[in-house]
Amino acid sequence: MQNLDQAAALFFTPITLIFCLGCFVVTYVLRTATEAIHDSMYHKPFTNVLWTELFLPLGPILVGWVLAILAKKFPFPVVVGGSIMAKLLYGGICGLFSGWMYSRVRSFLQRGQNGAPGSNPFKLPESPQGENLPPAPTDKP
């Protein structure tokens, strides 16, 4: 178990967080620019299923691969070494983590916006108390 902890400590460093943040920023800029160009050209939101179900989830992973290949001077963790395959795996994992965190934070913020202004996203919705409910059945005929 101690070897696993040592390997995790070598992999999860502040450098990894910086790389994940880079994946996030590049992916966000590409996504925002693509959707803005589409909206301005066709005057409707970009709701293509191929875009939302394939390209958006794979985008951060692809960006992680590209950044891993192009970042020659980036101080990769010791575990990665100089192997191109290790760098691709590292970039893909960082991109996957970045995309997962983006979707979690976005859904968290949208839950907060769907409530009343200033609503607490941590608060669970209250159950309706008598609103539009049918009258309770009675035993009397």
Foldseek 3Di string as FASTA:
>chain_A
DVVVVVVVVLQDDVLLVVLLVVLLVVLVVVVVVVQVVVCVVPVDGDDDCCCVPPCLQCSSLVSLLVCLVPCPPRPHGPVQPDDSVSSSVSSNVSSNVSSVVVVVVVVLVVCQVVDDVVDDSVDDDDDDDPPPDDDDDDPDD
